[in-house]
N, C-alpha and C. Protein backbone atom coordinates (compact mmCIF):
# COMPACT_ATOMS: atom_id res chain seq x y z
N UNK A 1 92.28 105.49 82.26
CA UNK A 1 91.28 104.94 83.15
C UNK A 1 90.65 106.11 83.91
N UNK A 2 89.32 106.15 83.96
CA UNK A 2 88.66 107.26 84.64
C UNK A 2 88.50 106.98 86.14
N UNK A 3 88.10 108.00 86.88
CA UNK A 3 87.99 107.91 88.34
C UNK A 3 87.03 106.80 88.77
N UNK A 4 85.91 106.65 88.08
CA UNK A 4 84.93 105.63 88.45
C UNK A 4 85.50 104.22 88.27
N UNK A 5 86.24 104.00 87.19
CA UNK A 5 86.88 102.70 86.96
C UNK A 5 87.92 102.40 88.04
N UNK A 6 88.65 103.42 88.44
CA UNK A 6 89.65 103.26 89.51
C UNK A 6 88.96 102.90 90.81
N UNK A 7 87.87 103.58 91.13
CA UNK A 7 87.13 103.29 92.37
C UNK A 7 86.54 101.89 92.36
N UNK A 8 86.07 101.43 91.22
CA UNK A 8 85.53 100.07 91.11
C UNK A 8 86.64 99.03 91.34
N UNK A 9 87.81 99.28 90.76
CA UNK A 9 88.96 98.39 90.99
C UNK A 9 89.33 98.36 92.47
N UNK A 10 89.40 99.53 93.06
CA UNK A 10 89.74 99.65 94.48
C UNK A 10 88.74 98.87 95.34
N UNK A 11 87.45 99.09 95.12
CA UNK A 11 86.43 98.38 95.90
C UNK A 11 86.53 96.87 95.70
N UNK A 12 86.76 96.45 94.47
CA UNK A 12 86.89 95.02 94.18
C UNK A 12 88.06 94.38 94.89
N UNK A 13 89.20 95.06 94.89
CA UNK A 13 90.37 94.51 95.55
C UNK A 13 90.24 94.54 97.07
N UNK A 14 89.55 95.52 97.61
CA UNK A 14 89.30 95.52 99.06
C UNK A 14 88.51 94.28 99.46
N UNK A 15 87.60 93.85 98.60
CA UNK A 15 86.83 92.63 98.87
C UNK A 15 87.67 91.38 98.63
N UNK A 16 88.38 91.33 97.50
CA UNK A 16 89.19 90.16 97.16
C UNK A 16 90.23 89.85 98.24
N UNK A 17 90.81 90.90 98.79
CA UNK A 17 91.85 90.72 99.81
C UNK A 17 91.27 90.67 101.23
N UNK A 18 89.95 90.66 101.33
CA UNK A 18 89.24 90.54 102.61
C UNK A 18 89.62 91.67 103.58
N UNK A 19 89.77 92.86 103.04
CA UNK A 19 90.08 94.02 103.86
C UNK A 19 88.80 94.60 104.45
N UNK A 20 87.77 94.67 103.63
CA UNK A 20 86.47 95.10 104.13
C UNK A 20 85.64 93.85 104.40
N UNK A 21 84.83 93.84 105.42
CA UNK A 21 84.35 94.95 106.23
C UNK A 21 85.17 95.20 107.50
N UNK A 22 86.25 94.44 107.72
CA UNK A 22 87.02 94.61 108.96
C UNK A 22 87.64 96.01 109.06
N UNK A 23 88.02 96.59 107.93
CA UNK A 23 88.65 97.90 107.88
C UNK A 23 87.76 98.89 107.15
N UNK A 24 87.87 100.14 107.50
CA UNK A 24 87.28 101.24 106.74
C UNK A 24 88.42 101.84 105.94
N UNK A 25 88.34 101.70 104.62
CA UNK A 25 89.42 102.17 103.75
C UNK A 25 88.83 103.15 102.73
N UNK A 26 89.52 104.27 102.61
CA UNK A 26 89.08 105.33 101.69
C UNK A 26 90.13 105.49 100.60
N UNK A 27 89.67 105.70 99.39
CA UNK A 27 90.56 105.98 98.26
C UNK A 27 90.61 107.48 98.05
N UNK A 28 91.83 108.02 98.00
CA UNK A 28 92.02 109.45 97.74
C UNK A 28 92.83 109.57 96.45
N UNK A 29 92.25 110.20 95.45
CA UNK A 29 92.94 110.40 94.18
C UNK A 29 93.72 111.71 94.26
N UNK A 30 95.03 111.62 94.15
CA UNK A 30 95.91 112.78 94.26
C UNK A 30 96.09 113.40 92.88
N UNK A 31 95.75 114.67 92.78
CA UNK A 31 95.82 115.37 91.49
C UNK A 31 96.97 116.37 91.42
N UNK A 32 97.82 116.37 92.43
CA UNK A 32 98.98 117.26 92.45
C UNK A 32 100.08 116.66 91.58
N UNK A 33 100.42 117.27 90.45
CA UNK A 33 101.44 116.69 89.56
C UNK A 33 102.84 116.66 90.19
N UNK A 34 103.05 117.38 91.28
CA UNK A 34 104.35 117.39 91.94
C UNK A 34 104.47 116.31 93.02
N UNK A 35 103.37 115.60 93.31
CA UNK A 35 103.46 114.54 94.31
C UNK A 35 104.38 113.45 93.77
N UNK A 36 105.45 113.11 94.48
CA UNK A 36 106.50 112.26 93.91
C UNK A 36 106.20 110.76 93.87
N UNK A 37 105.12 110.34 94.50
CA UNK A 37 104.84 108.90 94.56
C UNK A 37 103.71 108.53 93.62
N UNK A 38 103.62 107.25 93.31
CA UNK A 38 102.48 106.77 92.53
C UNK A 38 101.36 106.35 93.46
N UNK A 39 101.72 105.78 94.59
CA UNK A 39 100.74 105.37 95.58
C UNK A 39 101.34 105.37 96.97
N UNK A 40 100.47 105.46 97.96
CA UNK A 40 100.89 105.42 99.36
C UNK A 40 99.67 105.07 100.19
N UNK A 41 99.91 104.68 101.43
CA UNK A 41 98.79 104.35 102.30
C UNK A 41 99.08 104.87 103.70
N UNK A 42 98.07 105.46 104.32
CA UNK A 42 98.14 105.91 105.71
C UNK A 42 97.26 104.97 106.52
N UNK A 43 97.77 104.49 107.65
CA UNK A 43 97.08 103.45 108.40
C UNK A 43 96.94 103.85 109.86
N UNK A 44 95.73 103.71 110.39
CA UNK A 44 95.44 103.89 111.81
C UNK A 44 94.93 102.55 112.33
N UNK A 45 95.85 101.77 112.92
CA UNK A 45 95.49 100.43 113.41
C UNK A 45 94.47 100.48 114.54
N UNK A 46 94.60 101.46 115.42
CA UNK A 46 93.70 101.53 116.57
C UNK A 46 92.25 101.68 116.15
N UNK A 47 92.00 102.44 115.10
CA UNK A 47 90.65 102.70 114.64
C UNK A 47 90.27 101.85 113.42
N UNK A 48 91.25 101.03 112.93
CA UNK A 48 91.07 100.19 111.74
C UNK A 48 90.56 101.00 110.55
N UNK A 49 91.27 102.11 110.30
CA UNK A 49 90.98 102.96 109.16
C UNK A 49 92.26 103.16 108.36
N UNK A 50 92.08 103.34 107.06
CA UNK A 50 93.24 103.60 106.20
C UNK A 50 92.80 104.47 105.03
N UNK A 51 93.76 105.23 104.50
CA UNK A 51 93.54 106.03 103.30
C UNK A 51 94.59 105.61 102.28
N UNK A 52 94.12 105.11 101.15
CA UNK A 52 95.02 104.77 100.05
C UNK A 52 95.05 105.96 99.11
N UNK A 53 96.25 106.51 98.93
CA UNK A 53 96.44 107.66 98.05
C UNK A 53 97.01 107.18 96.73
N UNK A 54 96.39 107.62 95.65
CA UNK A 54 96.78 107.19 94.31
C UNK A 54 97.01 108.41 93.43
N UNK A 55 98.20 108.49 92.87
CA UNK A 55 98.57 109.61 92.00
C UNK A 55 97.92 109.42 90.64
N UNK A 56 96.94 110.26 90.34
CA UNK A 56 96.29 110.20 89.03
C UNK A 56 96.78 111.31 88.10
N UNK A 57 97.59 112.21 88.64
CA UNK A 57 98.09 113.34 87.84
C UNK A 57 99.37 112.96 87.10
N UNK A 58 100.30 112.30 87.78
CA UNK A 58 101.60 111.96 87.18
C UNK A 58 102.11 110.65 87.76
N UNK A 59 101.41 109.54 87.52
CA UNK A 59 101.86 108.26 88.08
C UNK A 59 103.16 107.78 87.45
N UNK A 60 103.95 107.06 88.23
CA UNK A 60 105.23 106.52 87.75
C UNK A 60 105.04 105.11 87.18
N UNK A 61 103.90 104.49 87.46
CA UNK A 61 103.60 103.14 86.99
C UNK A 61 102.48 103.19 85.97
N UNK A 62 102.48 102.24 85.03
CA UNK A 62 101.47 102.21 83.98
C UNK A 62 100.18 101.53 84.44
N UNK A 63 100.28 100.56 85.34
CA UNK A 63 99.13 99.74 85.73
C UNK A 63 98.60 100.21 87.08
N UNK A 64 97.50 100.94 87.06
CA UNK A 64 96.89 101.48 88.28
C UNK A 64 96.46 100.36 89.22
N UNK A 65 95.94 99.28 88.64
CA UNK A 65 95.49 98.14 89.45
C UNK A 65 96.65 97.57 90.25
N UNK A 66 97.81 97.49 89.66
CA UNK A 66 99.00 96.97 90.35
C UNK A 66 99.34 97.85 91.56
N UNK A 67 99.23 99.15 91.41
CA UNK A 67 99.53 100.08 92.50
C UNK A 67 98.51 99.90 93.63
N UNK A 68 97.24 99.76 93.29
CA UNK A 68 96.20 99.57 94.30
C UNK A 68 96.46 98.30 95.09
N UNK A 69 96.73 97.21 94.40
CA UNK A 69 96.98 95.93 95.07
C UNK A 69 98.22 96.03 95.96
N UNK A 70 99.27 96.66 95.45
CA UNK A 70 100.51 96.83 96.23
C UNK A 70 100.23 97.56 97.55
N UNK A 71 99.54 98.68 97.46
CA UNK A 71 99.27 99.47 98.68
C UNK A 71 98.36 98.71 99.63
N UNK A 72 97.39 97.97 99.13
CA UNK A 72 96.52 97.20 100.01
C UNK A 72 97.27 96.06 100.69
N UNK A 73 98.29 95.51 100.03
CA UNK A 73 99.12 94.50 100.70
C UNK A 73 99.92 95.12 101.85
N UNK A 74 100.30 96.38 101.72
CA UNK A 74 100.95 97.03 102.87
C UNK A 74 99.99 97.05 104.06
N UNK A 75 98.72 97.27 103.80
CA UNK A 75 97.74 97.25 104.88
C UNK A 75 97.62 95.84 105.47
N UNK A 76 97.56 94.82 104.62
CA UNK A 76 97.45 93.44 105.10
C UNK A 76 98.65 93.05 105.96
N UNK A 77 99.83 93.54 105.60
CA UNK A 77 101.06 93.17 106.30
C UNK A 77 101.45 94.14 107.42
N UNK A 78 100.63 95.15 107.65
CA UNK A 78 100.98 96.19 108.61
C UNK A 78 101.25 95.67 110.02
N UNK A 79 100.48 94.73 110.55
CA UNK A 79 100.81 94.22 111.89
C UNK A 79 102.21 93.59 111.95
N UNK A 80 102.58 92.84 110.93
CA UNK A 80 103.93 92.27 110.87
C UNK A 80 104.97 93.36 110.73
N UNK A 81 104.67 94.36 109.91
CA UNK A 81 105.55 95.51 109.72
C UNK A 81 105.84 96.19 111.06
N UNK A 82 104.79 96.50 111.81
CA UNK A 82 104.95 97.21 113.08
C UNK A 82 105.66 96.36 114.13
N UNK A 83 105.37 95.08 114.17
CA UNK A 83 106.04 94.18 115.11
C UNK A 83 107.53 94.14 114.83
N UNK A 84 107.89 94.01 113.56
CA UNK A 84 109.31 93.95 113.19
C UNK A 84 110.02 95.26 113.48
N UNK A 85 109.38 96.38 113.16
CA UNK A 85 110.00 97.67 113.47
C UNK A 85 110.20 97.84 114.98
N UNK A 86 109.22 97.40 115.77
CA UNK A 86 109.35 97.50 117.23
C UNK A 86 110.46 96.60 117.75
N UNK A 87 110.62 95.41 117.18
CA UNK A 87 111.71 94.52 117.58
C UNK A 87 113.07 95.15 117.26
N UNK A 88 113.17 95.75 116.08
CA UNK A 88 114.42 96.41 115.71
C UNK A 88 114.70 97.57 116.68
N UNK A 89 113.69 98.35 116.97
CA UNK A 89 113.86 99.50 117.89
C UNK A 89 114.22 99.07 119.30
N UNK A 90 113.70 97.93 119.72
CA UNK A 90 114.01 97.47 121.08
C UNK A 90 115.39 96.82 121.17
N UNK A 91 115.95 96.39 120.03
CA UNK A 91 117.25 95.73 120.05
C UNK A 91 118.42 96.62 119.69
N UNK A 92 118.14 97.75 119.07
CA UNK A 92 119.21 98.64 118.61
C UNK A 92 118.87 100.08 118.97
N UNK A 93 119.89 100.84 119.25
CA UNK A 93 119.69 102.26 119.51
C UNK A 93 119.46 102.97 118.17
N UNK A 94 118.41 103.79 118.11
CA UNK A 94 118.10 104.49 116.87
C UNK A 94 119.30 105.33 116.44
N UNK A 95 119.64 105.23 115.16
CA UNK A 95 120.78 105.95 114.61
C UNK A 95 122.07 105.15 114.63
N UNK A 96 122.09 104.03 115.36
CA UNK A 96 123.30 103.20 115.39
C UNK A 96 123.43 102.45 114.07
N UNK A 97 124.64 101.93 113.81
CA UNK A 97 124.86 101.17 112.58
C UNK A 97 123.97 99.93 112.54
N UNK A 98 123.83 99.25 113.68
CA UNK A 98 122.99 98.06 113.75
C UNK A 98 121.53 98.38 113.44
N UNK A 99 121.04 99.47 114.01
CA UNK A 99 119.65 99.90 113.77
C UNK A 99 119.45 100.24 112.30
N UNK A 100 120.36 101.04 111.74
CA UNK A 100 120.24 101.45 110.34
C UNK A 100 120.29 100.24 109.41
N UNK A 101 121.21 99.31 109.69
CA UNK A 101 121.32 98.11 108.86
C UNK A 101 120.05 97.27 108.95
N UNK A 102 119.60 96.99 110.17
CA UNK A 102 118.41 96.15 110.36
C UNK A 102 117.18 96.80 109.72
N UNK A 103 117.00 98.09 109.91
CA UNK A 103 115.83 98.77 109.37
C UNK A 103 115.88 98.80 107.84
N UNK A 104 117.05 99.07 107.27
CA UNK A 104 117.19 99.08 105.81
C UNK A 104 116.89 97.70 105.23
N UNK A 105 117.46 96.66 105.83
CA UNK A 105 117.22 95.31 105.33
C UNK A 105 115.75 94.92 105.46
N UNK A 106 115.14 95.29 106.58
CA UNK A 106 113.73 94.99 106.76
C UNK A 106 112.88 95.71 105.72
N UNK A 107 113.11 96.99 105.50
CA UNK A 107 112.31 97.75 104.54
C UNK A 107 112.48 97.21 103.12
N UNK A 108 113.71 96.85 102.75
CA UNK A 108 113.93 96.26 101.43
C UNK A 108 113.17 94.94 101.29
N UNK A 109 113.26 94.10 102.31
CA UNK A 109 112.58 92.80 102.28
C UNK A 109 111.07 92.98 102.28
N UNK A 110 110.56 93.93 103.05
CA UNK A 110 109.13 94.21 103.07
C UNK A 110 108.65 94.61 101.68
N UNK A 111 109.34 95.54 101.03
CA UNK A 111 108.93 95.99 99.69
C UNK A 111 109.00 94.84 98.69
N UNK A 112 110.04 94.03 98.77
CA UNK A 112 110.15 92.90 97.85
C UNK A 112 109.01 91.90 98.07
N UNK A 113 108.67 91.66 99.33
CA UNK A 113 107.58 90.73 99.65
C UNK A 113 106.24 91.27 99.17
N UNK A 114 105.98 92.54 99.44
CA UNK A 114 104.73 93.16 98.98
C UNK A 114 104.65 93.11 97.47
N UNK A 115 105.74 93.40 96.80
CA UNK A 115 105.74 93.40 95.34
C UNK A 115 105.52 92.00 94.78
N UNK A 116 106.13 91.00 95.40
CA UNK A 116 105.95 89.62 94.93
C UNK A 116 104.51 89.15 95.14
N UNK A 117 103.93 89.46 96.29
CA UNK A 117 102.53 89.11 96.53
C UNK A 117 101.61 89.84 95.54
N UNK A 118 101.92 91.10 95.27
CA UNK A 118 101.15 91.87 94.31
C UNK A 118 101.17 91.19 92.94
N UNK A 119 102.34 90.81 92.48
CA UNK A 119 102.46 90.16 91.18
C UNK A 119 101.66 88.86 91.14
N UNK A 120 101.78 88.05 92.18
CA UNK A 120 101.07 86.77 92.23
C UNK A 120 99.56 86.97 92.14
N UNK A 121 99.03 87.87 92.96
CA UNK A 121 97.58 88.10 92.98
C UNK A 121 97.10 88.77 91.70
N UNK A 122 97.88 89.72 91.20
CA UNK A 122 97.50 90.41 89.98
C UNK A 122 97.45 89.44 88.80
N UNK A 123 98.46 88.60 88.69
CA UNK A 123 98.51 87.65 87.58
C UNK A 123 97.40 86.60 87.68
N UNK A 124 96.97 86.28 88.86
CA UNK A 124 95.91 85.28 89.05
C UNK A 124 94.51 85.88 88.99
N UNK A 125 94.33 87.06 89.59
CA UNK A 125 92.99 87.61 89.77
C UNK A 125 92.77 89.00 89.16
N UNK A 126 93.78 89.57 88.56
CA UNK A 126 93.68 90.95 88.09
C UNK A 126 92.93 91.08 86.77
N UNK A 127 92.36 92.25 86.57
CA UNK A 127 91.75 92.59 85.29
C UNK A 127 92.84 92.96 84.28
N UNK A 128 93.84 93.72 84.74
CA UNK A 128 94.98 94.11 83.91
C UNK A 128 96.20 93.36 84.46
N UNK A 129 96.61 92.33 83.76
CA UNK A 129 97.71 91.48 84.24
C UNK A 129 99.07 91.91 83.71
N UNK A 130 99.09 93.05 83.03
CA UNK A 130 100.36 93.58 82.53
C UNK A 130 101.09 94.27 83.68
N UNK A 131 102.29 93.80 83.96
CA UNK A 131 103.08 94.41 85.03
C UNK A 131 103.67 95.73 84.56
N UNK A 132 103.82 96.68 85.48
CA UNK A 132 104.43 97.97 85.17
C UNK A 132 105.95 97.84 85.21
N UNK A 133 106.58 98.46 84.27
CA UNK A 133 108.04 98.48 84.23
C UNK A 133 108.57 99.91 84.32
N UNK A 134 107.73 100.82 84.82
CA UNK A 134 108.10 102.23 84.91
C UNK A 134 109.35 102.47 85.73
N UNK A 135 109.44 101.84 86.91
CA UNK A 135 110.64 102.03 87.74
C UNK A 135 111.86 101.43 87.09
N UNK A 136 111.71 100.26 86.49
CA UNK A 136 112.82 99.57 85.85
C UNK A 136 113.36 100.40 84.68
N UNK A 137 112.48 101.02 83.93
CA UNK A 137 112.89 101.82 82.77
C UNK A 137 113.76 102.99 83.17
N UNK A 138 113.62 103.47 84.41
CA UNK A 138 114.41 104.61 84.88
C UNK A 138 115.79 104.20 85.40
N UNK A 139 116.03 102.90 85.54
CA UNK A 139 117.31 102.41 86.08
C UNK A 139 118.40 102.48 85.02
N UNK A 140 119.63 102.52 85.47
CA UNK A 140 120.79 102.49 84.59
C UNK A 140 120.95 101.07 84.05
N UNK A 141 121.26 100.95 82.77
CA UNK A 141 121.43 99.62 82.17
C UNK A 141 122.70 98.96 82.71
N UNK A 142 122.74 97.65 82.62
CA UNK A 142 123.89 96.88 83.08
C UNK A 142 125.16 97.33 82.36
N UNK A 143 125.08 97.50 81.05
CA UNK A 143 126.25 97.93 80.29
C UNK A 143 126.73 99.31 80.72
N UNK A 144 125.79 100.23 80.97
CA UNK A 144 126.17 101.58 81.39
C UNK A 144 126.85 101.58 82.76
N UNK A 145 126.45 100.66 83.63
CA UNK A 145 127.07 100.58 84.95
C UNK A 145 128.56 100.23 84.86
N UNK A 146 128.92 99.42 83.88
CA UNK A 146 130.29 98.92 83.80
C UNK A 146 131.12 99.59 82.70
N UNK A 147 130.53 100.50 81.97
CA UNK A 147 131.25 101.21 80.91
C UNK A 147 132.35 102.05 81.55
N UNK A 148 133.52 101.98 81.01
CA UNK A 148 134.62 102.80 81.50
C UNK A 148 135.49 102.13 82.57
N UNK A 149 135.06 100.97 83.07
CA UNK A 149 135.91 100.27 84.04
C UNK A 149 137.06 99.61 83.32
N UNK A 150 138.20 99.58 83.97
CA UNK A 150 139.37 98.93 83.38
C UNK A 150 139.19 97.42 83.46
N UNK A 151 139.60 96.71 82.43
CA UNK A 151 139.54 95.24 82.48
C UNK A 151 140.48 94.71 83.56
N UNK A 152 140.09 93.63 84.19
CA UNK A 152 140.93 92.99 85.20
C UNK A 152 142.03 92.23 84.50
N UNK A 153 143.22 92.23 85.10
CA UNK A 153 144.29 91.39 84.58
C UNK A 153 145.26 92.05 83.69
């Protein structure tokens, strides 16, 4: 997919998700092959600006559209994200077991929620409805996890 096609997808999803005109969002194509992420987003709530960064040099996911939608959902959910992080910070001392547990559980749940919303919208409204399995392919198989364990009993 070329840069112009990526920008058209980005602009289309900004409209579909009703991000613009309320927000000013810029797409930055990252060409550094050492950048470890496929996508990321920087958000300035006070100024209602965001930069969506997309790895075009060495992406970990096959479906660029899926990555764009995922990162834009982080923007949509950012007020909830910040409220929850502030609640955790006000209830637990940073670095405590309670803080670490609450923050880890929140971040896992946030990613799962963003990913589920991404799949739903992509499958309903996406141009490329093929989900990426890049991260899954890098995981250890179920059989490999249990190979070498002694049988119970």
